[in-house]
Every structure is written in structure tokens, then in C-alpha cells.
């Protein structure tokens, strides 16, 4: 039963992505690009591990913006992610912004899509300056491509 429920959740996440990607016009509350840069690592299986987001290379200090309006659920440091912001969008989705050089917002504050929230860095487990960006649906990472313009 538990396995069947996991499949239902996964199917729901896939349907959300397909629906958002297939819209002729942007739906209300649509996503915006979190940073201007180049995708250097995609979502999914890699040689040794599973990449739960995408990496977008950009120069040190490049402005990082909220991909969608919401509320800052977490602002802090993490060994893996370094300086990390998590925005809860109030619809079962969250976006993660990792390896930041700094923040421009506090925990609990509301943010609007496109609002500056931080700067590109290489904090945590990072080999160069980039933004690690994740989209989570009901707590599970999903591929942001097709939903978030990159």
C-alpha cells in the first residue's frame, strides 16, 4: 500500500510538471528564472548519486531571485547546501536556493516572484560559483525544467 501511495505522489508531481509545461499562457503564480546563468548540471541520476536539483553557473555575487511568490521557510547554513534559503509557496511546493554568498531576506518574510533574495556563491559542498536550485512538490524533489524557465 505504501509503495502504491508513493507511485500516486510521483504521478501527481509528473502531472503537475506536464500541465505547467503544456500551458499556452503562463498560469497565475507561474515561475520565473531564479538567476541569469548557464545550467551546468541537470536533475536526476549521476554516476555516484542522484542530483535533486539543477546547478546554474553564474559569476560570484550575481543576483538570485525568488522563482515564485511565497514565504521564507528556512534561512541558514547546511554542510551540504552551504547558505540555503527555502521558500514555501503555499500550494504544496517549495523552492531551494543553495550555495549562496549571502541573503537579502529573513525567515518568515513574504517574497514576490522576481524579488532579489540572495547572491550566487560557493558555500557548502560546491566546486565553483553557482546556484543549486530545487523544486519540491509535497516534499519530493522534481525536475524544475519544463516548469521554471531557465
N, C-alpha and C. Protein backbone atom coordinates (compact mmCIF):
# COMPACT_ATOMS: atom_id res chain seq x y z
N UNK A 1 0.82 -1.19 0.00
CA UNK A 1 0.00 0.00 0.00
C UNK A 1 0.87 1.26 0.00
N UNK A 2 1.93 1.25 0.85
CA UNK A 2 2.82 2.40 0.93
C UNK A 2 3.48 2.66 -0.42
N UNK A 3 3.90 1.59 -1.09
CA UNK A 3 4.55 1.72 -2.39
C UNK A 3 3.57 2.30 -3.42
N UNK A 4 2.33 1.86 -3.37
CA UNK A 4 1.32 2.37 -4.29
C UNK A 4 1.09 3.86 -4.07
N UNK A 5 1.08 4.29 -2.80
CA UNK A 5 0.89 5.71 -2.50
C UNK A 5 2.07 6.54 -3.00
N UNK A 6 3.28 6.00 -2.91
CA UNK A 6 4.44 6.70 -3.44
C UNK A 6 4.33 6.88 -4.94
N UNK A 7 3.83 5.87 -5.63
CA UNK A 7 3.64 5.97 -7.07
C UNK A 7 2.58 7.01 -7.41
N UNK A 8 1.54 7.08 -6.61
CA UNK A 8 0.49 8.09 -6.83
C UNK A 8 1.06 9.49 -6.65
N UNK A 9 1.88 9.69 -5.61
CA UNK A 9 2.50 11.00 -5.39
C UNK A 9 3.43 11.37 -6.55
N UNK A 10 4.22 10.42 -6.99
CA UNK A 10 5.13 10.67 -8.10
C UNK A 10 4.35 11.02 -9.35
N UNK A 11 3.29 10.29 -9.62
CA UNK A 11 2.46 10.57 -10.78
C UNK A 11 1.87 11.97 -10.68
N UNK A 12 1.45 12.36 -9.49
CA UNK A 12 0.91 13.70 -9.28
C UNK A 12 1.94 14.77 -9.60
N UNK A 13 3.19 14.56 -9.18
CA UNK A 13 4.26 15.52 -9.45
C UNK A 13 4.53 15.62 -10.94
N UNK A 14 4.54 14.48 -11.62
CA UNK A 14 4.77 14.46 -13.07
C UNK A 14 3.64 15.19 -13.78
N UNK A 15 2.40 14.93 -13.37
CA UNK A 15 1.25 15.60 -13.99
C UNK A 15 1.32 17.11 -13.79
N UNK A 16 1.76 17.55 -12.61
CA UNK A 16 1.92 18.98 -12.35
C UNK A 16 2.93 19.58 -13.32
N UNK A 17 4.05 18.89 -13.53
CA UNK A 17 5.07 19.39 -14.44
C UNK A 17 4.57 19.43 -15.87
N UNK A 18 3.90 18.38 -16.31
CA UNK A 18 3.38 18.32 -17.68
C UNK A 18 2.35 19.41 -17.90
N UNK A 19 1.47 19.59 -16.95
CA UNK A 19 0.43 20.62 -17.08
C UNK A 19 1.04 22.01 -17.18
N UNK A 20 2.02 22.28 -16.33
CA UNK A 20 2.65 23.60 -16.36
C UNK A 20 3.43 23.82 -17.64
N UNK A 21 4.09 22.79 -18.14
CA UNK A 21 4.88 22.91 -19.36
C UNK A 21 3.99 23.05 -20.58
N UNK A 22 2.80 22.49 -20.54
CA UNK A 22 1.92 22.50 -21.70
C UNK A 22 0.99 23.68 -21.78
N UNK A 23 1.05 24.61 -20.85
CA UNK A 23 0.15 25.76 -20.86
C UNK A 23 0.55 26.72 -21.96
N UNK A 24 -0.44 27.20 -22.74
CA UNK A 24 -0.17 28.15 -23.81
C UNK A 24 0.23 29.50 -23.23
N UNK A 25 -0.38 29.90 -22.14
CA UNK A 25 -0.01 31.13 -21.47
C UNK A 25 0.36 30.79 -20.03
N UNK A 26 1.17 31.62 -19.45
CA UNK A 26 1.64 31.34 -18.09
C UNK A 26 0.47 31.36 -17.11
N UNK A 27 0.29 30.31 -16.32
CA UNK A 27 -0.79 30.30 -15.34
C UNK A 27 -0.50 31.28 -14.21
N UNK A 28 -1.55 31.70 -13.50
CA UNK A 28 -1.37 32.59 -12.36
C UNK A 28 -0.42 31.93 -11.37
N UNK A 29 0.55 32.70 -10.88
CA UNK A 29 1.51 32.13 -9.94
C UNK A 29 2.61 31.35 -10.63
N UNK A 30 2.82 31.60 -11.92
CA UNK A 30 3.84 30.86 -12.64
C UNK A 30 5.24 31.23 -12.13
N UNK A 31 6.21 30.44 -12.52
CA UNK A 31 7.59 30.59 -12.05
C UNK A 31 8.39 31.50 -12.97
N UNK A 32 9.40 32.15 -12.39
CA UNK A 32 10.35 32.95 -13.14
C UNK A 32 11.74 32.36 -12.90
N UNK A 33 12.67 32.70 -13.76
CA UNK A 33 14.04 32.19 -13.62
C UNK A 33 14.68 32.75 -12.36
N UNK A 34 15.34 31.89 -11.56
CA UNK A 34 15.94 32.36 -10.31
C UNK A 34 17.26 33.10 -10.49
N UNK A 35 17.94 32.88 -11.62
CA UNK A 35 19.24 33.53 -11.82
C UNK A 35 19.59 33.49 -13.30
N UNK A 36 20.34 34.49 -13.74
CA UNK A 36 20.85 34.50 -15.11
C UNK A 36 22.17 33.74 -15.12
N UNK A 37 22.21 32.66 -15.88
CA UNK A 37 23.41 31.85 -15.92
C UNK A 37 23.23 30.67 -16.85
N UNK A 38 24.13 29.70 -16.75
CA UNK A 38 24.14 28.53 -17.61
C UNK A 38 23.97 27.27 -16.77
N UNK A 39 23.02 26.42 -17.17
CA UNK A 39 22.83 25.15 -16.46
C UNK A 39 24.04 24.26 -16.72
N UNK A 40 24.69 23.83 -15.64
CA UNK A 40 25.89 23.01 -15.76
C UNK A 40 25.69 21.58 -15.26
N UNK A 41 24.62 21.35 -14.52
CA UNK A 41 24.32 20.01 -14.03
C UNK A 41 22.81 19.86 -13.92
N UNK A 42 22.29 18.82 -14.57
CA UNK A 42 20.85 18.59 -14.62
C UNK A 42 20.35 17.78 -13.43
N UNK A 43 19.05 17.74 -13.30
CA UNK A 43 18.34 16.95 -12.30
C UNK A 43 18.45 15.47 -12.66
N UNK A 44 18.55 14.62 -11.65
CA UNK A 44 18.46 13.18 -11.88
C UNK A 44 19.72 12.41 -11.56
N UNK A 45 19.73 11.19 -12.05
CA UNK A 45 20.79 10.23 -11.75
C UNK A 45 22.13 10.68 -12.32
N UNK A 46 23.16 10.54 -11.48
CA UNK A 46 24.53 10.79 -11.90
C UNK A 46 25.34 9.54 -11.61
N UNK A 47 26.62 9.57 -11.90
CA UNK A 47 27.46 8.38 -11.71
C UNK A 47 27.38 7.83 -10.30
N UNK A 48 27.50 8.69 -9.29
CA UNK A 48 27.56 8.21 -7.91
C UNK A 48 26.30 8.50 -7.10
N UNK A 49 25.53 9.48 -7.50
CA UNK A 49 24.38 9.86 -6.68
C UNK A 49 23.24 10.39 -7.54
N UNK A 50 22.21 10.85 -6.88
CA UNK A 50 21.05 11.41 -7.55
C UNK A 50 21.04 12.91 -7.26
N UNK A 51 21.02 13.71 -8.30
CA UNK A 51 21.04 15.17 -8.16
C UNK A 51 19.61 15.66 -8.02
N UNK A 52 19.28 16.25 -6.88
CA UNK A 52 17.90 16.61 -6.57
C UNK A 52 17.50 18.00 -7.09
N UNK A 53 18.37 18.62 -7.84
CA UNK A 53 18.05 19.93 -8.41
C UNK A 53 18.87 20.16 -9.66
N UNK A 54 19.04 21.42 -10.02
CA UNK A 54 19.90 21.77 -11.14
C UNK A 54 20.92 22.79 -10.64
N UNK A 55 22.08 22.80 -11.27
CA UNK A 55 23.11 23.79 -10.95
C UNK A 55 23.18 24.79 -12.09
N UNK A 56 23.18 26.07 -11.73
CA UNK A 56 23.23 27.15 -12.71
C UNK A 56 24.47 27.99 -12.39
N UNK A 57 25.47 27.90 -13.27
CA UNK A 57 26.71 28.66 -13.07
C UNK A 57 26.47 30.13 -13.37
N UNK A 58 27.03 30.98 -12.53
CA UNK A 58 26.94 32.43 -12.70
C UNK A 58 28.10 33.05 -11.93
N UNK A 59 28.51 34.26 -12.31
CA UNK A 59 29.60 34.90 -11.59
C UNK A 59 29.27 35.15 -10.11
N UNK A 60 30.31 35.15 -9.30
CA UNK A 60 30.18 35.42 -7.87
C UNK A 60 29.38 36.71 -7.66
N UNK A 61 28.40 36.64 -6.77
CA UNK A 61 27.62 37.82 -6.43
C UNK A 61 26.44 38.12 -7.33
N UNK A 62 26.24 37.30 -8.38
CA UNK A 62 25.08 37.51 -9.27
C UNK A 62 23.79 37.44 -8.46
N UNK A 63 22.86 38.32 -8.78
CA UNK A 63 21.58 38.38 -8.07
C UNK A 63 20.78 37.09 -8.23
N UNK A 64 20.27 36.56 -7.12
CA UNK A 64 19.37 35.40 -7.11
C UNK A 64 17.99 35.92 -6.75
N UNK A 65 16.98 35.51 -7.53
CA UNK A 65 15.62 36.00 -7.35
C UNK A 65 14.67 34.87 -6.99
N UNK A 66 13.61 35.20 -6.27
CA UNK A 66 12.57 34.21 -5.94
C UNK A 66 11.90 33.77 -7.24
N UNK A 67 11.81 32.46 -7.44
CA UNK A 67 11.20 31.92 -8.65
C UNK A 67 9.68 32.03 -8.64
N UNK A 68 9.11 32.19 -7.45
CA UNK A 68 7.66 32.30 -7.30
C UNK A 68 7.38 32.97 -5.95
N UNK A 69 6.28 33.67 -5.85
CA UNK A 69 5.91 34.31 -4.58
C UNK A 69 5.70 33.27 -3.49
N UNK A 70 6.02 33.65 -2.26
CA UNK A 70 5.84 32.74 -1.13
C UNK A 70 6.38 33.34 0.14
N UNK A 71 6.71 32.48 1.08
CA UNK A 71 7.21 32.88 2.39
C UNK A 71 8.50 32.12 2.69
N UNK A 72 9.50 32.82 3.21
CA UNK A 72 10.78 32.19 3.53
C UNK A 72 10.58 31.24 4.72
N UNK A 73 10.72 29.95 4.45
CA UNK A 73 10.52 28.91 5.47
C UNK A 73 11.82 28.58 6.20
N UNK A 74 12.96 28.77 5.52
CA UNK A 74 14.26 28.46 6.12
C UNK A 74 15.29 29.42 5.57
N UNK A 75 16.15 29.89 6.46
CA UNK A 75 17.30 30.71 6.09
C UNK A 75 18.41 30.31 7.04
N UNK A 76 19.44 29.68 6.49
CA UNK A 76 20.52 29.24 7.36
C UNK A 76 21.60 28.51 6.60
N UNK A 77 22.48 27.87 7.38
CA UNK A 77 23.60 27.14 6.79
C UNK A 77 23.38 25.65 6.93
N UNK A 78 23.97 24.92 6.00
CA UNK A 78 23.87 23.48 5.95
C UNK A 78 25.20 22.98 5.41
N UNK A 79 25.72 21.87 5.92
CA UNK A 79 27.02 21.36 5.49
C UNK A 79 27.05 21.11 3.98
N UNK A 80 26.01 20.50 3.45
CA UNK A 80 25.94 20.17 2.03
C UNK A 80 25.59 21.39 1.18
N UNK A 81 24.52 22.09 1.55
CA UNK A 81 23.99 23.19 0.74
C UNK A 81 24.66 24.53 1.01
N UNK A 82 25.43 24.64 2.08
CA UNK A 82 26.01 25.93 2.44
C UNK A 82 24.91 26.88 2.88
N UNK A 83 25.01 28.14 2.47
CA UNK A 83 23.94 29.10 2.78
C UNK A 83 22.73 28.73 1.93
N UNK A 84 21.60 28.51 2.62
CA UNK A 84 20.40 27.98 1.97
C UNK A 84 19.18 28.79 2.33
N UNK A 85 18.35 29.07 1.31
CA UNK A 85 17.02 29.64 1.51
C UNK A 85 16.01 28.65 0.98
N UNK A 86 14.91 28.46 1.72
CA UNK A 86 13.80 27.64 1.24
C UNK A 86 12.56 28.53 1.27
N UNK A 87 11.88 28.61 0.14
CA UNK A 87 10.64 29.39 0.05
C UNK A 87 9.47 28.44 -0.11
N UNK A 88 8.50 28.58 0.78
CA UNK A 88 7.26 27.80 0.74
C UNK A 88 6.24 28.63 -0.04
N UNK A 89 5.69 28.05 -1.11
CA UNK A 89 4.77 28.78 -1.98
C UNK A 89 3.31 28.61 -1.60
N UNK A 90 3.04 27.85 -0.53
CA UNK A 90 1.70 27.73 -0.01
C UNK A 90 0.76 26.85 -0.80
N UNK A 91 1.31 26.16 -1.80
CA UNK A 91 0.48 25.28 -2.64
C UNK A 91 1.04 23.86 -2.68
N UNK A 92 1.84 23.53 -1.67
CA UNK A 92 2.47 22.21 -1.64
C UNK A 92 3.82 22.18 -2.32
N UNK A 93 4.28 23.34 -2.83
CA UNK A 93 5.59 23.39 -3.48
C UNK A 93 6.53 24.28 -2.69
N UNK A 94 7.82 23.95 -2.79
CA UNK A 94 8.89 24.75 -2.19
C UNK A 94 10.01 24.86 -3.20
N UNK A 95 10.77 25.96 -3.12
CA UNK A 95 11.98 26.09 -3.92
C UNK A 95 13.16 26.28 -2.98
N UNK A 96 14.28 25.63 -3.35
CA UNK A 96 15.52 25.68 -2.56
C UNK A 96 16.56 26.46 -3.37
N UNK A 97 17.29 27.34 -2.68
CA UNK A 97 18.34 28.15 -3.29
C UNK A 97 19.59 27.92 -2.45
N UNK A 98 20.58 27.22 -2.99
CA UNK A 98 21.73 26.78 -2.20
C UNK A 98 23.06 27.31 -2.73
N UNK A 99 24.07 27.26 -1.87
CA UNK A 99 25.45 27.69 -2.11
C UNK A 99 25.54 29.21 -2.23
N UNK A 100 24.63 29.91 -1.59
CA UNK A 100 24.59 31.37 -1.68
C UNK A 100 25.78 32.03 -1.00
N UNK A 101 26.14 33.22 -1.51
CA UNK A 101 27.19 34.04 -0.88
C UNK A 101 26.58 34.87 0.24
N UNK A 102 25.29 35.16 0.13
CA UNK A 102 24.62 35.95 1.15
C UNK A 102 23.13 35.98 0.88
N UNK A 103 22.38 36.52 1.86
CA UNK A 103 20.92 36.58 1.78
C UNK A 103 20.45 38.03 1.79
N UNK A 104 19.27 38.26 1.25
CA UNK A 104 18.66 39.59 1.29
C UNK A 104 17.29 39.56 1.95
N UNK A 105 16.98 38.51 2.68
CA UNK A 105 15.64 38.32 3.24
C UNK A 105 15.74 37.51 4.53
N UNK A 106 14.79 37.68 5.42
CA UNK A 106 14.77 36.95 6.69
C UNK A 106 13.72 35.84 6.67
N UNK A 107 13.91 34.87 7.54
CA UNK A 107 12.94 33.79 7.71
C UNK A 107 11.60 34.39 8.13
N UNK A 108 10.52 33.86 7.54
CA UNK A 108 9.18 34.31 7.87
C UNK A 108 8.66 35.44 7.01
N UNK A 109 9.54 36.08 6.24
CA UNK A 109 9.13 37.20 5.39
C UNK A 109 8.51 36.70 4.09
N UNK A 110 7.53 37.45 3.60
CA UNK A 110 6.92 37.14 2.31
C UNK A 110 7.78 37.72 1.20
N UNK A 111 7.85 36.99 0.09
CA UNK A 111 8.61 37.44 -1.08
C UNK A 111 7.71 37.36 -2.30
N UNK A 112 8.03 38.19 -3.28
CA UNK A 112 7.30 38.18 -4.55
C UNK A 112 8.18 37.54 -5.61
N UNK A 113 7.55 36.94 -6.61
CA UNK A 113 8.30 36.36 -7.73
C UNK A 113 9.19 37.44 -8.34
N UNK A 114 10.46 37.10 -8.56
CA UNK A 114 11.40 38.03 -9.15
C UNK A 114 12.12 38.92 -8.15
N UNK A 115 11.73 38.86 -6.88
CA UNK A 115 12.38 39.68 -5.84
C UNK A 115 13.77 39.14 -5.54
N UNK A 116 14.74 40.05 -5.39
CA UNK A 116 16.10 39.64 -5.04
C UNK A 116 16.09 39.05 -3.63
N UNK A 117 16.67 37.84 -3.51
CA UNK A 117 16.70 37.16 -2.21
C UNK A 117 18.11 36.81 -1.76
N UNK A 118 19.08 36.87 -2.68
CA UNK A 118 20.44 36.50 -2.31
C UNK A 118 21.41 36.71 -3.46
N UNK A 119 22.64 36.18 -3.26
CA UNK A 119 23.70 36.30 -4.26
C UNK A 119 24.38 34.96 -4.49
N UNK A 120 24.76 34.71 -5.72
CA UNK A 120 25.45 33.47 -6.08
C UNK A 120 26.77 33.38 -5.31
N UNK A 121 27.04 32.19 -4.80
CA UNK A 121 28.28 31.94 -4.08
C UNK A 121 28.77 30.53 -4.32
N UNK A 122 29.57 30.04 -3.39
CA UNK A 122 30.06 28.66 -3.46
C UNK A 122 30.19 28.07 -2.06
N UNK A 123 29.26 28.42 -1.19
CA UNK A 123 29.27 27.92 0.18
C UNK A 123 28.84 26.45 0.20
N UNK A 124 29.19 25.75 1.28
CA UNK A 124 28.84 24.33 1.37
C UNK A 124 29.70 23.48 0.46
N UNK A 125 29.13 22.36 0.01
CA UNK A 125 29.85 21.44 -0.86
C UNK A 125 29.70 21.89 -2.32
N UNK A 126 30.50 22.86 -2.72
CA UNK A 126 30.44 23.41 -4.08
C UNK A 126 31.85 23.52 -4.63
N UNK A 127 31.99 23.29 -5.92
CA UNK A 127 33.31 23.35 -6.55
C UNK A 127 33.53 24.66 -7.29
N UNK A 128 32.50 25.44 -7.49
CA UNK A 128 32.61 26.72 -8.18
C UNK A 128 31.38 27.56 -7.90
N UNK A 129 31.39 28.77 -8.39
CA UNK A 129 30.26 29.67 -8.16
C UNK A 129 29.05 29.22 -8.98
N UNK A 130 27.96 28.95 -8.27
CA UNK A 130 26.72 28.56 -8.94
C UNK A 130 25.56 28.58 -7.95
N UNK A 131 24.36 28.52 -8.50
CA UNK A 131 23.16 28.35 -7.69
C UNK A 131 22.69 26.92 -7.87
N UNK A 132 22.51 26.21 -6.77
CA UNK A 132 21.84 24.91 -6.80
C UNK A 132 20.38 25.22 -6.53
N UNK A 133 19.50 24.90 -7.49
CA UNK A 133 18.08 25.24 -7.41
C UNK A 133 17.25 23.97 -7.42
N UNK A 134 16.34 23.85 -6.45
CA UNK A 134 15.45 22.69 -6.38
C UNK A 134 14.00 23.14 -6.36
N UNK A 135 13.16 22.31 -6.96
CA UNK A 135 11.71 22.45 -6.86
C UNK A 135 11.21 21.19 -6.18
N UNK A 136 10.45 21.36 -5.11
CA UNK A 136 9.90 20.20 -4.39
C UNK A 136 8.38 20.29 -4.37
N UNK A 137 7.76 19.16 -4.63
CA UNK A 137 6.30 19.03 -4.59
C UNK A 137 5.98 18.03 -3.48
N UNK A 138 5.24 18.46 -2.50
CA UNK A 138 4.92 17.63 -1.33
C UNK A 138 6.18 17.04 -0.71
N UNK A 139 7.24 17.85 -0.67
CA UNK A 139 8.50 17.44 -0.06
C UNK A 139 9.42 16.62 -0.93
N UNK A 140 8.98 16.25 -2.13
CA UNK A 140 9.80 15.42 -3.02
C UNK A 140 10.41 16.26 -4.15
N UNK A 141 11.72 16.12 -4.39
CA UNK A 141 12.34 16.86 -5.48
C UNK A 141 11.79 16.42 -6.84
N UNK A 142 11.51 17.40 -7.70
CA UNK A 142 11.09 17.14 -9.08
C UNK A 142 11.96 17.98 -10.01
N UNK A 143 12.06 17.56 -11.25
CA UNK A 143 12.86 18.29 -12.23
C UNK A 143 12.21 19.64 -12.52
N UNK A 144 12.91 20.74 -12.26
CA UNK A 144 12.30 22.05 -12.49
C UNK A 144 12.19 22.44 -13.96
N UNK A 145 12.93 21.76 -14.84
CA UNK A 145 12.84 22.09 -16.26
C UNK A 145 11.43 21.78 -16.76
N UNK A 146 10.91 22.64 -17.58
CA UNK A 146 9.54 22.50 -18.07
C UNK A 146 8.55 23.23 -17.19
N UNK A 147 8.95 23.56 -15.96
CA UNK A 147 8.09 24.31 -15.04
C UNK A 147 8.68 25.70 -14.83
N UNK A 148 9.99 25.75 -14.61
CA UNK A 148 10.70 27.00 -14.35
C UNK A 148 11.50 27.37 -15.60
N UNK A 149 11.32 28.58 -16.13
CA UNK A 149 12.11 28.97 -17.30
C UNK A 149 13.59 29.15 -16.93
N UNK A 150 14.46 28.45 -17.64
CA UNK A 150 15.89 28.51 -17.33
C UNK A 150 16.68 28.93 -18.54
